Amino acid sequence: MEKQTFTKKERIRKRKEYLTVYKQGVRGYSENFTIIVSRNHSGAKRLGITVTKKVGNAVQRNRIKRLLREFFRLNKSDIADSQDIVIIVKGNIAKLNYHDVSRQLERLIK
């Protein structure tokens, strides 16, 4: 059984890495999210999250980021190795719960 943690190696942290994913990735869209998936050379599954101020105040943005990280942590076994995934949050989604987020992202990833 794979560990269900979210380590530093599994994060996209640098601007250059985000730009590479934006340029080379394949995009998918849902009502509240845009997801960009790209191959990487590190061999790890990595996640990047982009939430703009249009989504809400800092509390709402951080809550959405926590939900997205939790989805990735629990579902990373379903994601192919050597993938960079950037999730861009659209609009005002403060009312979403984990179930709604999970349902939308499962459709995009699969």
PDB file of N, CA and C in Angstrom:
ATOM      1  N   MET A   1       0.844  -1.182   0.000  1.00  0.00           N
ATOM      2  CA  MET A   1       0.000   0.000   0.000  1.00  0.00           C
ATOM      3  C   MET A   1       0.888   1.245   0.000  1.00  0.00           C
ATOM      4  N   GLU A   2       0.574   2.163  -0.875  1.00  0.00           N
ATOM      5  CA  GLU A   2       1.349   3.393  -1.000  1.00  0.00           C
ATOM      6  C   GLU A   2       1.040   4.340   0.152  1.00  0.00           C
ATOM      7  N   LYS A   3       2.079   5.044   0.604  1.00  0.00           N
ATOM      8  CA  LYS A   3       1.893   6.026   1.675  1.00  0.00           C
ATOM      9  C   LYS A   3       0.977   7.147   1.200  1.00  0.00           C
ATOM     10  N   GLN A   4       0.105   7.585   2.059  1.00  0.00           N
ATOM     11  CA  GLN A   4      -0.819   8.657   1.705  1.00  0.00           C
ATOM     12  C   GLN A   4      -0.365   9.956   2.354  1.00  0.00           C
ATOM     13  N   THR A   5       0.783  10.426   1.896  1.00  0.00           N
ATOM     14  CA  THR A   5       1.308  11.696   2.386  1.00  0.00           C
ATOM     15  C   THR A   5       1.455  12.647   1.214  1.00  0.00           C
ATOM     16  N   PHE A   6       1.715  13.883   1.512  1.00  0.00           N
ATOM     17  CA  PHE A   6       1.939  14.888   0.477  1.00  0.00           C
ATOM     18  C   PHE A   6       3.259  15.570   0.803  1.00  0.00           C
ATOM     19  N   THR A   7       4.326  15.057   0.213  1.00  0.00           N
ATOM     20  CA  THR A   7       5.676  15.507   0.559  1.00  0.00           C
ATOM     21  C   THR A   7       6.112  16.687  -0.298  1.00  0.00           C
ATOM     22  N   LYS A   8       7.251  17.251   0.057  1.00  0.00           N
ATOM     23  CA  LYS A   8       7.804  18.387  -0.664  1.00  0.00           C
ATOM     24  C   LYS A   8       8.152  18.025  -2.110  1.00  0.00           C
ATOM     25  N   LYS A   9       8.562  16.776  -2.333  1.00  0.00           N
ATOM     26  CA  LYS A   9       8.905  16.327  -3.689  1.00  0.00           C
ATOM     27  C   LYS A   9       7.685  16.273  -4.605  1.00  0.00           C
ATOM     28  N   GLU A  10       6.502  16.247  -4.022  1.00  0.00           N
ATOM     29  CA  GLU A  10       5.273  16.135  -4.803  1.00  0.00           C
ATOM     30  C   GLU A  10       4.619  17.492  -5.073  1.00  0.00           C
ATOM     31  N   ARG A  11       5.346  18.566  -4.826  1.00  0.00           N
ATOM     32  CA  ARG A  11       4.811  19.906  -5.045  1.00  0.00           C
ATOM     33  C   ARG A  11       5.539  20.601  -6.176  1.00  0.00           C
ATOM     34  N   ILE A  12       4.804  21.337  -6.983  1.00  0.00           N
ATOM     35  CA  ILE A  12       5.410  22.234  -7.961  1.00  0.00           C
ATOM     36  C   ILE A  12       5.544  23.561  -7.239  1.00  0.00           C
ATOM     37  N   ARG A  13       6.778  24.035  -7.101  1.00  0.00           N
ATOM     38  CA  ARG A  13       6.984  25.203  -6.250  1.00  0.00           C
ATOM     39  C   ARG A  13       7.568  26.403  -6.977  1.00  0.00           C
ATOM     40  N   LYS A  14       8.277  26.196  -8.061  1.00  0.00           N
ATOM     41  CA  LYS A  14       8.967  27.299  -8.714  1.00  0.00           C
ATOM     42  C   LYS A  14       8.184  27.807  -9.918  1.00  0.00           C
ATOM     43  N   ARG A  15       8.295  29.095 -10.165  1.00  0.00           N
ATOM     44  CA  ARG A  15       7.598  29.726 -11.281  1.00  0.00           C
ATOM     45  C   ARG A  15       7.972  29.075 -12.608  1.00  0.00           C
ATOM     46  N   LYS A  16       9.241  28.741 -12.775  1.00  0.00           N
ATOM     47  CA  LYS A  16       9.715  28.117 -14.003  1.00  0.00           C
ATOM     48  C   LYS A  16       9.009  26.774 -14.249  1.00  0.00           C
ATOM     49  N   GLU A  17       8.777  26.014 -13.184  1.00  0.00           N
ATOM     50  CA  GLU A  17       8.087  24.734 -13.317  1.00  0.00           C
ATOM     51  C   GLU A  17       6.621  24.939 -13.719  1.00  0.00           C
ATOM     52  N   TYR A  18       5.977  25.946 -13.128  1.00  0.00           N
ATOM     53  CA  TYR A  18       4.597  26.263 -13.513  1.00  0.00           C
ATOM     54  C   TYR A  18       4.524  26.660 -14.988  1.00  0.00           C
ATOM     55  N   LEU A  19       5.456  27.516 -15.425  1.00  0.00           N
ATOM     56  CA  LEU A  19       5.440  27.964 -16.815  1.00  0.00           C
ATOM     57  C   LEU A  19       5.653  26.808 -17.783  1.00  0.00           C
ATOM     58  N   THR A  20       6.499  25.858 -17.418  1.00  0.00           N
ATOM     59  CA  THR A  20       6.723  24.679 -18.258  1.00  0.00           C
ATOM     60  C   THR A  20       5.436  23.871 -18.401  1.00  0.00           C
ATOM     61  N   VAL A  21       4.725  23.676 -17.308  1.00  0.00           N
ATOM     62  CA  VAL A  21       3.463  22.933 -17.363  1.00  0.00           C
ATOM     63  C   VAL A  21       2.438  23.691 -18.195  1.00  0.00           C
ATOM     64  N   TYR A  22       2.341  25.024 -18.010  1.00  0.00           N
ATOM     65  CA  TYR A  22       1.406  25.826 -18.791  1.00  0.00           C
ATOM     66  C   TYR A  22       1.690  25.710 -20.290  1.00  0.00           C
ATOM     67  N   LYS A  23       2.963  25.695 -20.644  1.00  0.00           N
ATOM     68  CA  LYS A  23       3.353  25.676 -22.050  1.00  0.00           C
ATOM     69  C   LYS A  23       3.171  24.296 -22.686  1.00  0.00           C
ATOM     70  N   GLN A  24       3.522  23.229 -21.977  1.00  0.00           N
ATOM     71  CA  GLN A  24       3.565  21.888 -22.566  1.00  0.00           C
ATOM     72  C   GLN A  24       2.356  21.023 -22.235  1.00  0.00           C
ATOM     73  N   GLY A  25       1.549  21.442 -21.290  1.00  0.00           N
ATOM     74  CA  GLY A  25       0.496  20.577 -20.775  1.00  0.00           C
ATOM     75  C   GLY A  25      -0.756  20.513 -21.624  1.00  0.00           C
ATOM     76  N   VAL A  26      -1.550  19.492 -21.318  1.00  0.00           N
ATOM     77  CA  VAL A  26      -2.854  19.291 -21.934  1.00  0.00           C
ATOM     78  C   VAL A  26      -3.900  19.770 -20.931  1.00  0.00           C
ATOM     79  N   ARG A  27      -4.860  20.553 -21.402  1.00  0.00           N
ATOM     80  CA  ARG A  27      -5.839  21.176 -20.509  1.00  0.00           C
ATOM     81  C   ARG A  27      -7.162  20.420 -20.513  1.00  0.00           C
ATOM     82  N   GLY A  28      -7.799  20.449 -19.349  1.00  0.00           N
ATOM     83  CA  GLY A  28      -9.143  19.916 -19.179  1.00  0.00           C
ATOM     84  C   GLY A  28      -9.935  20.929 -18.370  1.00  0.00           C
ATOM     85  N   TYR A  29     -11.241  20.987 -18.611  1.00  0.00           N
ATOM     86  CA  TYR A  29     -12.056  22.024 -17.983  1.00  0.00           C
ATOM     87  C   TYR A  29     -13.266  21.410 -17.294  1.00  0.00           C
ATOM     88  N   SER A  30     -13.640  21.993 -16.170  1.00  0.00           N
ATOM     89  CA  SER A  30     -14.899  21.673 -15.521  1.00  0.00           C
ATOM     90  C   SER A  30     -15.545  23.004 -15.134  1.00  0.00           C
ATOM     91  N   GLU A  31     -16.631  22.934 -14.418  1.00  0.00           N
ATOM     92  CA  GLU A  31     -17.354  24.144 -14.040  1.00  0.00           C
ATOM     93  C   GLU A  31     -16.508  25.073 -13.171  1.00  0.00           C
ATOM     94  N   ASN A  32     -15.726  24.506 -12.265  1.00  0.00           N
ATOM     95  CA  ASN A  32     -14.975  25.318 -11.313  1.00  0.00           C
ATOM     96  C   ASN A  32     -13.462  25.205 -11.408  1.00  0.00           C
ATOM     97  N   PHE A  33     -12.959  24.312 -12.251  1.00  0.00           N
ATOM     98  CA  PHE A  33     -11.524  24.084 -12.311  1.00  0.00           C
ATOM     99  C   PHE A  33     -11.031  23.968 -13.745  1.00  0.00           C
ATOM    100  N   THR A  34      -9.791  24.387 -13.940  1.00  0.00           N
ATOM    101  CA  THR A  34      -9.041  24.064 -15.153  1.00  0.00           C
ATOM    102  C   THR A  34      -7.860  23.246 -14.676  1.00  0.00           C
ATOM    103  N   ILE A  35      -7.627  22.114 -15.327  1.00  0.00           N
ATOM    104  CA  ILE A  35      -6.529  21.252 -14.922  1.00  0.00           C
ATOM    105  C   ILE A  35      -5.575  21.121 -16.110  1.00  0.00           C
ATOM    106  N   ILE A  36      -4.292  21.236 -15.833  1.00  0.00           N
ATOM    107  CA  ILE A  36      -3.269  21.118 -16.860  1.00  0.00           C
ATOM    108  C   ILE A  36      -2.347  19.969 -16.455  1.00  0.00           C
ATOM    109  N   VAL A  37      -2.183  19.000 -17.349  1.00  0.00           N
ATOM    110  CA  VAL A  37      -1.362  17.827 -17.064  1.00  0.00           C
ATOM    111  C   VAL A  37      -0.216  17.778 -18.062  1.00  0.00           C
ATOM    112  N   SER A  38       0.977  17.548 -17.536  1.00  0.00           N
ATOM    113  CA  SER A  38       2.174  17.497 -18.371  1.00  0.00           C
ATOM    114  C   SER A  38       3.104  16.409 -17.841  1.00  0.00           C
ATOM    115  N   ARG A  39       3.904  15.831 -18.723  1.00  0.00           N
ATOM    116  CA  ARG A  39       4.911  14.847 -18.308  1.00  0.00           C
ATOM    117  C   ARG A  39       6.080  15.583 -17.673  1.00  0.00           C
ATOM    118  N   ASN A  40       6.755  14.923 -16.716  1.00  0.00           N
ATOM    119  CA  ASN A  40       7.965  15.485 -16.137  1.00  0.00           C
ATOM    120  C   ASN A  40       9.084  14.450 -16.173  1.00  0.00           C
ATOM    121  N   HIS A  41      10.281  14.871 -15.851  1.00  0.00           N
ATOM    122  CA  HIS A  41      11.438  13.981 -15.905  1.00  0.00           C
ATOM    123  C   HIS A  41      11.881  13.541 -14.514  1.00  0.00           C
ATOM    124  N   SER A  42      11.192  13.985 -13.482  1.00  0.00           N
ATOM    125  CA  SER A  42      11.600  13.641 -12.125  1.00  0.00           C
ATOM    126  C   SER A  42      11.101  12.267 -11.701  1.00  0.00           C
ATOM    127  N   GLY A  43      10.104  11.733 -12.389  1.00  0.00           N
ATOM    128  CA  GLY A  43       9.558  10.436 -12.038  1.00  0.00           C
ATOM    129  C   GLY A  43       8.503  10.498 -10.942  1.00  0.00           C
ATOM    130  N   ALA A  44       8.218  11.686 -10.426  1.00  0.00           N
ATOM    131  CA  ALA A  44       7.252  11.835  -9.340  1.00  0.00           C
ATOM    132  C   ALA A  44       5.957  12.452  -9.856  1.00  0.00           C
ATOM    133  N   LYS A  45       4.891  12.191  -9.135  1.00  0.00           N
ATOM    134  CA  LYS A  45       3.614  12.859  -9.386  1.00  0.00           C
ATOM    135  C   LYS A  45       3.660  14.146  -8.596  1.00  0.00           C
ATOM    136  N   ARG A  46       3.449  15.282  -9.278  1.00  0.00           N
ATOM    137  CA  ARG A  46       3.556  16.565  -8.588  1.00  0.00           C
ATOM    138  C   ARG A  46       2.306  17.383  -8.817  1.00  0.00           C
ATOM    139  N   LEU A  47       1.961  18.187  -7.824  1.00  0.00           N
ATOM    140  CA  LEU A  47       0.758  19.011  -7.868  1.00  0.00           C
ATOM    141  C   LEU A  47       1.107  20.472  -7.661  1.00  0.00           C
ATOM    142  N   GLY A  48       0.484  21.328  -8.465  1.00  0.00           N
ATOM    143  CA  GLY A  48       0.565  22.771  -8.288  1.00  0.00           C
ATOM    144  C   GLY A  48      -0.851  23.314  -8.258  1.00  0.00           C
ATOM    145  N   ILE A  49      -1.080  24.320  -7.429  1.00  0.00           N
ATOM    146  CA  ILE A  49      -2.418  24.890  -7.282  1.00  0.00           C
ATOM    147  C   ILE A  49      -2.332  26.393  -7.488  1.00  0.00           C
ATOM    148  N   THR A  50      -3.262  26.926  -8.292  1.00  0.00           N
ATOM    149  CA  THR A  50      -3.340  28.357  -8.523  1.00  0.00           C
ATOM    150  C   THR A  50      -4.741  28.832  -8.142  1.00  0.00           C
ATOM    151  N   VAL A  51      -4.794  29.747  -7.174  1.00  0.00           N
ATOM    152  CA  VAL A  51      -6.073  30.318  -6.734  1.00  0.00           C
ATOM    153  C   VAL A  51      -5.900  31.829  -6.711  1.00  0.00           C
ATOM    154  N   THR A  52      -6.671  32.539  -7.522  1.00  0.00           N
ATOM    155  CA  THR A  52      -6.548  33.994  -7.587  1.00  0.00           C
ATOM    156  C   THR A  52      -7.410  34.658  -6.522  1.00  0.00           C
ATOM    157  N   LYS A  53      -7.207  35.946  -6.341  1.00  0.00           N
ATOM    158  CA  LYS A  53      -7.981  36.707  -5.353  1.00  0.00           C
ATOM    159  C   LYS A  53      -9.445  36.847  -5.744  1.00  0.00           C
ATOM    160  N   LYS A  54      -9.775  36.561  -6.998  1.00  0.00           N
ATOM    161  CA  LYS A  54     -11.163  36.615  -7.434  1.00  0.00           C
ATOM    162  C   LYS A  54     -12.015  35.555  -6.736  1.00  0.00           C
ATOM    163  N   VAL A  55     -11.361  34.503  -6.247  1.00  0.00           N
ATOM    164  CA  VAL A  55     -12.073  33.405  -5.597  1.00  0.00           C
ATOM    165  C   VAL A  55     -12.638  33.831  -4.249  1.00  0.00           C
ATOM    166  N   GLY A  56     -11.929  34.686  -3.540  1.00  0.00           N
ATOM    167  CA  GLY A  56     -12.417  35.133  -2.245  1.00  0.00           C
ATOM    168  C   GLY A  56     -11.267  35.621  -1.388  1.00  0.00           C
ATOM    169  N   ASN A  57     -11.547  35.760  -0.116  1.00  0.00           N
ATOM    170  CA  ASN A  57     -10.495  36.234   0.780  1.00  0.00           C
ATOM    171  C   ASN A  57      -9.511  35.100   1.091  1.00  0.00           C
ATOM    172  N   ALA A  58      -8.499  35.384   1.894  1.00  0.00           N
ATOM    173  CA  ALA A  58      -7.434  34.418   2.165  1.00  0.00           C
ATOM    174  C   ALA A  58      -7.961  33.145   2.818  1.00  0.00           C
ATOM    175  N   VAL A  59      -8.937  33.277   3.673  1.00  0.00           N
ATOM    176  CA  VAL A  59      -9.500  32.106   4.352  1.00  0.00           C
ATOM    177  C   VAL A  59     -10.140  31.168   3.334  1.00  0.00           C
ATOM    178  N   GLN A  60     -10.902  31.711   2.404  1.00  0.00           N
ATOM    179  CA  GLN A  60     -11.557  30.892   1.380  1.00  0.00           C
ATOM    180  C   GLN A  60     -10.543  30.276   0.425  1.00  0.00           C
ATOM    181  N   ARG A  61      -9.547  31.041   0.034  1.00  0.00           N
ATOM    182  CA  ARG A  61      -8.519  30.509  -0.872  1.00  0.00           C
ATOM    183  C   ARG A  61      -7.745  29.376  -0.217  1.00  0.00           C
ATOM    184  N   ASN A  62      -7.374  29.542   1.040  1.00  0.00           N
ATOM    185  CA  ASN A  62      -6.640  28.493   1.740  1.00  0.00           C
ATOM    186  C   ASN A  62      -7.486  27.245   1.948  1.00  0.00           C
ATOM    187  N   ARG A  63      -8.777  27.412   2.176  1.00  0.00           N
ATOM    188  CA  ARG A  63      -9.663  26.262   2.327  1.00  0.00           C
ATOM    189  C   ARG A  63      -9.732  25.455   1.039  1.00  0.00           C
ATOM    190  N   ILE A  64      -9.853  26.132  -0.087  1.00  0.00           N
ATOM    191  CA  ILE A  64      -9.891  25.447  -1.377  1.00  0.00           C
ATOM    192  C   ILE A  64      -8.571  24.713  -1.629  1.00  0.00           C
ATOM    193  N   LYS A  65      -7.454  25.348  -1.308  1.00  0.00           N
ATOM    194  CA  LYS A  65      -6.154  24.695  -1.490  1.00  0.00           C
ATOM    195  C   LYS A  65      -6.036  23.446  -0.621  1.00  0.00           C
ATOM    196  N   ARG A  66      -6.540  23.513   0.594  1.00  0.00           N
ATOM    197  CA  ARG A  66      -6.518  22.327   1.466  1.00  0.00           C
ATOM    198  C   ARG A  66      -7.354  21.201   0.880  1.00  0.00           C
ATOM    199  N   LEU A  67      -8.524  21.526   0.334  1.00  0.00           N
ATOM    200  CA  LEU A  67      -9.373  20.506  -0.290  1.00  0.00           C
ATOM    201  C   LEU A  67      -8.680  19.865  -1.492  1.00  0.00           C
ATOM    202  N   LEU A  68      -8.016  20.680  -2.312  1.00  0.00           N
ATOM    203  CA  LEU A  68      -7.332  20.157  -3.490  1.00  0.00           C
ATOM    204  C   LEU A  68      -6.143  19.276  -3.105  1.00  0.00           C
ATOM    205  N   ARG A  69      -5.381  19.701  -2.102  1.00  0.00           N
ATOM    206  CA  ARG A  69      -4.251  18.875  -1.640  1.00  0.00           C
ATOM    207  C   ARG A  69      -4.750  17.549  -1.060  1.00  0.00           C
ATOM    208  N   GLU A  70      -5.854  17.587  -0.352  1.00  0.00           N
ATOM    209  CA  GLU A  70      -6.416  16.357   0.212  1.00  0.00           C
ATOM    210  C   GLU A  70      -6.882  15.420  -0.894  1.00  0.00           C
ATOM    211  N   PHE A  71      -7.517  15.959  -1.935  1.00  0.00           N
ATOM    212  CA  PHE A  71      -7.922  15.130  -3.065  1.00  0.00           C
ATOM    213  C   PHE A  71      -6.704  14.466  -3.698  1.00  0.00           C
ATOM    214  N   PHE A  72      -5.647  15.232  -3.931  1.00  0.00           N
ATOM    215  CA  PHE A  72      -4.434  14.683  -4.532  1.00  0.00           C
ATOM    216  C   PHE A  72      -3.828  13.607  -3.636  1.00  0.00           C
ATOM    217  N   ARG A  73      -3.765  13.867  -2.354  1.00  0.00           N
ATOM    218  CA  ARG A  73      -3.153  12.927  -1.421  1.00  0.00           C
ATOM    219  C   ARG A  73      -3.889  11.586  -1.420  1.00  0.00           C
ATOM    220  N   LEU A  74      -5.206  11.626  -1.450  1.00  0.00           N
ATOM    221  CA  LEU A  74      -5.995  10.395  -1.397  1.00  0.00           C
ATOM    222  C   LEU A  74      -6.095   9.678  -2.734  1.00  0.00           C
ATOM    223  N   ASN A  75      -5.902  10.392  -3.840  1.00  0.00           N
ATOM    224  CA  ASN A  75      -6.096   9.798  -5.169  1.00  0.00           C
ATOM    225  C   ASN A  75      -4.824   9.702  -5.995  1.00  0.00           C
ATOM    226  N   LYS A  76      -3.671   9.934  -5.414  1.00  0.00           N
ATOM    227  CA  LYS A  76      -2.457   9.931  -6.228  1.00  0.00           C
ATOM    228  C   LYS A  76      -2.100   8.550  -6.754  1.00  0.00           C
ATOM    229  N   SER A  77      -2.643   7.498  -6.171  1.00  0.00           N
ATOM    230  CA  SER A  77      -2.377   6.156  -6.700  1.00  0.00           C
ATOM    231  C   SER A  77      -3.066   5.957  -8.052  1.00  0.00           C
ATOM    232  N   ASP A  78      -4.093   6.733  -8.355  1.00  0.00           N
ATOM    233  CA  ASP A  78      -4.805   6.646  -9.635  1.00  0.00           C
ATOM    234  C   ASP A  78      -4.139   7.466 -10.736  1.00  0.00           C
ATOM    235  N   ILE A  79      -3.139   8.268 -10.377  1.00  0.00           N
ATOM    236  CA  ILE A  79      -2.465   9.150 -11.328  1.00  0.00           C
ATOM    237  C   ILE A  79      -1.189   8.477 -11.808  1.00  0.00           C
ATOM    238  N   ALA A  80      -0.918   8.561 -13.091  1.00  0.00           N
ATOM    239  CA  ALA A  80       0.280   7.948 -13.661  1.00  0.00           C
ATOM    240  C   ALA A  80       1.541   8.621 -13.118  1.00  0.00           C
ATOM    241  N   ASP A  81       2.631   7.861 -13.057  1.00  0.00           N
ATOM    242  CA  ASP A  81       3.911   8.412 -12.607  1.00  0.00           C
ATOM    243  C   ASP A  81       4.419   9.442 -13.607  1.00  0.00           C
ATOM    244  N   SER A  82       5.332  10.279 -13.165  1.00  0.00           N
ATOM    245  CA  SER A  82       5.967  11.317 -13.987  1.00  0.00           C
ATOM    246  C   SER A  82       4.952  12.297 -14.559  1.00  0.00           C
ATOM    247  N   GLN A  83       3.996  12.714 -13.749  1.00  0.00           N
ATOM    248  CA  GLN A  83       2.990  13.674 -14.176  1.00  0.00           C
ATOM    249  C   GLN A  83       3.077  14.932 -13.320  1.00  0.00           C
ATOM    250  N   ASP A  84       3.021  16.074 -13.964  1.00  0.00           N
ATOM    251  CA  ASP A  84       2.851  17.342 -13.281  1.00  0.00           C
ATOM    252  C   ASP A  84       1.408  17.766 -13.505  1.00  0.00           C
ATOM    253  N   ILE A  85       0.709  18.102 -12.433  1.00  0.00           N
ATOM    254  CA  ILE A  85      -0.682  18.524 -12.528  1.00  0.00           C
ATOM    255  C   ILE A  85      -0.805  19.896 -11.886  1.00  0.00           C
ATOM    256  N   VAL A  86      -1.345  20.849 -12.641  1.00  0.00           N
ATOM    257  CA  VAL A  86      -1.633  22.177 -12.103  1.00  0.00           C
ATOM    258  C   VAL A  86      -3.142  22.361 -12.152  1.00  0.00           C
ATOM    259  N   ILE A  87      -3.721  22.711 -11.013  1.00  0.00           N
ATOM    260  CA  ILE A  87      -5.154  22.952 -10.927  1.00  0.00           C
ATOM    261  C   ILE A  87      -5.363  24.447 -10.730  1.00  0.00           C
ATOM    262  N   ILE A  88      -6.120  25.047 -11.646  1.00  0.00           N
ATOM    263  CA  ILE A  88      -6.446  26.468 -11.581  1.00  0.00           C
ATOM    264  C   ILE A  88      -7.908  26.575 -11.155  1.00  0.00           C
ATOM    265  N   VAL A  89      -8.152  27.304 -10.089  1.00  0.00           N
ATOM    266  CA  VAL A  89      -9.499  27.465  -9.559  1.00  0.00           C
ATOM    267  C   VAL A  89     -10.150  28.663 -10.236  1.00  0.00           C
ATOM    268  N   LYS A  90     -11.390  28.472 -10.709  1.00  0.00           N
ATOM    269  CA  LYS A  90     -12.125  29.528 -11.387  1.00  0.00           C
ATOM    270  C   LYS A  90     -13.273  30.014 -10.513  1.00  0.00           C
ATOM    271  N   GLY A  91     -13.522  31.293 -10.547  1.00  0.00           N
ATOM    272  CA  GLY A  91     -14.725  31.868  -9.964  1.00  0.00           C
ATOM    273  C   GLY A  91     -14.861  31.720  -8.466  1.00  0.00           C
ATOM    274  N   ASN A  92     -16.049  31.992  -7.991  1.00  0.00           N
ATOM    275  CA  ASN A  92     -16.348  31.947  -6.568  1.00  0.00           C
ATOM    276  C   ASN A  92     -16.871  30.564  -6.203  1.00  0.00           C
ATOM    277  N   ILE A  93     -16.042  29.753  -5.565  1.00  0.00           N
ATOM    278  CA  ILE A  93     -16.437  28.385  -5.234  1.00  0.00           C
ATOM    279  C   ILE A  93     -16.385  28.145  -3.732  1.00  0.00           C
ATOM    280  N   ALA A  94     -16.626  29.161  -2.966  1.00  0.00           N
ATOM    281  CA  ALA A  94     -16.540  29.052  -1.512  1.00  0.00           C
ATOM    282  C   ALA A  94     -17.546  28.050  -0.940  1.00  0.00           C
ATOM    283  N   LYS A  95     -18.636  27.802  -1.609  1.00  0.00           N
ATOM    284  CA  LYS A  95     -19.677  26.914  -1.096  1.00  0.00           C
ATOM    285  C   LYS A  95     -19.394  25.430  -1.354  1.00  0.00           C
ATOM    286  N   LEU A  96     -18.385  25.104  -2.140  1.00  0.00           N
ATOM    287  CA  LEU A  96     -18.103  23.704  -2.458  1.00  0.00           C
ATOM    288  C   LEU A  96     -17.591  22.953  -1.242  1.00  0.00           C
ATOM    289  N   ASN A  97     -17.997  21.695  -1.123  1.00  0.00           N
ATOM    290  CA  ASN A  97     -17.443  20.831  -0.088  1.00  0.00           C
ATOM    291  C   ASN A  97     -16.512  19.813  -0.756  1.00  0.00           C
ATOM    292  N   TYR A  98     -15.899  18.950   0.036  1.00  0.00           N
ATOM    293  CA  TYR A  98     -14.928  18.002  -0.510  1.00  0.00           C
ATOM    294  C   TYR A  98     -15.570  17.076  -1.540  1.00  0.00           C
ATOM    295  N   HIS A  99     -16.792  16.651  -1.305  1.00  0.00           N
ATOM    296  CA  HIS A  99     -17.465  15.743  -2.233  1.00  0.00           C
ATOM    297  C   HIS A  99     -17.624  16.375  -3.623  1.00  0.00           C
ATOM    298  N   ASP A 100     -18.019  17.647  -3.666  1.00  0.00           N
ATOM    299  CA  ASP A 100     -18.178  18.350  -4.949  1.00  0.00           C
ATOM    300  C   ASP A 100     -16.838  18.492  -5.669  1.00  0.00           C
ATOM    301  N   VAL A 101     -15.816  18.872  -4.921  1.00  0.00           N
ATOM    302  CA  VAL A 101     -14.476  19.024  -5.493  1.00  0.00           C
ATOM    303  C   VAL A 101     -13.992  17.692  -6.035  1.00  0.00           C
ATOM    304  N   SER A 102     -14.156  16.642  -5.267  1.00  0.00           N
ATOM    305  CA  SER A 102     -13.709  15.310  -5.663  1.00  0.00           C
ATOM    306  C   SER A 102     -14.404  14.836  -6.932  1.00  0.00           C
ATOM    307  N   ARG A 103     -15.701  15.050  -7.002  1.00  0.00           N
ATOM    308  CA  ARG A 103     -16.471  14.602  -8.168  1.00  0.00           C
ATOM    309  C   ARG A 103     -15.999  15.303  -9.443  1.00  0.00           C
ATOM    310  N   GLN A 104     -15.770  16.613  -9.373  1.00  0.00           N
ATOM    311  CA  GLN A 104     -15.335  17.353 -10.561  1.00  0.00           C
ATOM    312  C   GLN A 104     -13.926  16.949 -10.989  1.00  0.00           C
ATOM    313  N   LEU A 105     -13.026  16.807 -10.022  1.00  0.00           N
ATOM    314  CA  LEU A 105     -11.643  16.488 -10.368  1.00  0.00           C
ATOM    315  C   LEU A 105     -11.477  15.046 -10.842  1.00  0.00           C
ATOM    316  N   GLU A 106     -12.264  14.129 -10.319  1.00  0.00           N
ATOM    317  CA  GLU A 106     -12.200  12.736 -10.790  1.00  0.00           C
ATOM    318  C   GLU A 106     -12.529  12.660 -12.270  1.00  0.00           C
ATOM    319  N   ARG A 107     -13.549  13.408 -12.702  1.00  0.00           N
ATOM    320  CA  ARG A 107     -13.905  13.435 -14.121  1.00  0.00           C
ATOM    321  C   ARG A 107     -12.752  13.966 -14.978  1.00  0.00           C
ATOM    322  N   LEU A 108     -12.049  14.973 -14.481  1.00  0.00           N
ATOM    323  CA  LEU A 108     -10.965  15.582 -15.252  1.00  0.00           C
ATOM    324  C   LEU A 108      -9.730  14.691 -15.307  1.00  0.00           C
ATOM    325  N   ILE A 109      -9.405  14.059 -14.204  1.00  0.00           N
ATOM    326  CA  ILE A 109      -8.181  13.257 -14.156  1.00  0.00           C
ATOM    327  C   ILE A 109      -8.347  11.955 -14.903  1.00  0.00           C
ATOM    328  N   LYS A 110      -9.527  11.380 -14.879  1.00  0.00           N
ATOM    329  CA  LYS A 110      -9.741  10.103 -15.565  1.00  0.00           C
ATOM    330  C   LYS A 110     -10.217  10.353 -16.941  1.00  0.00           C
TER     331      LYS A 110
END
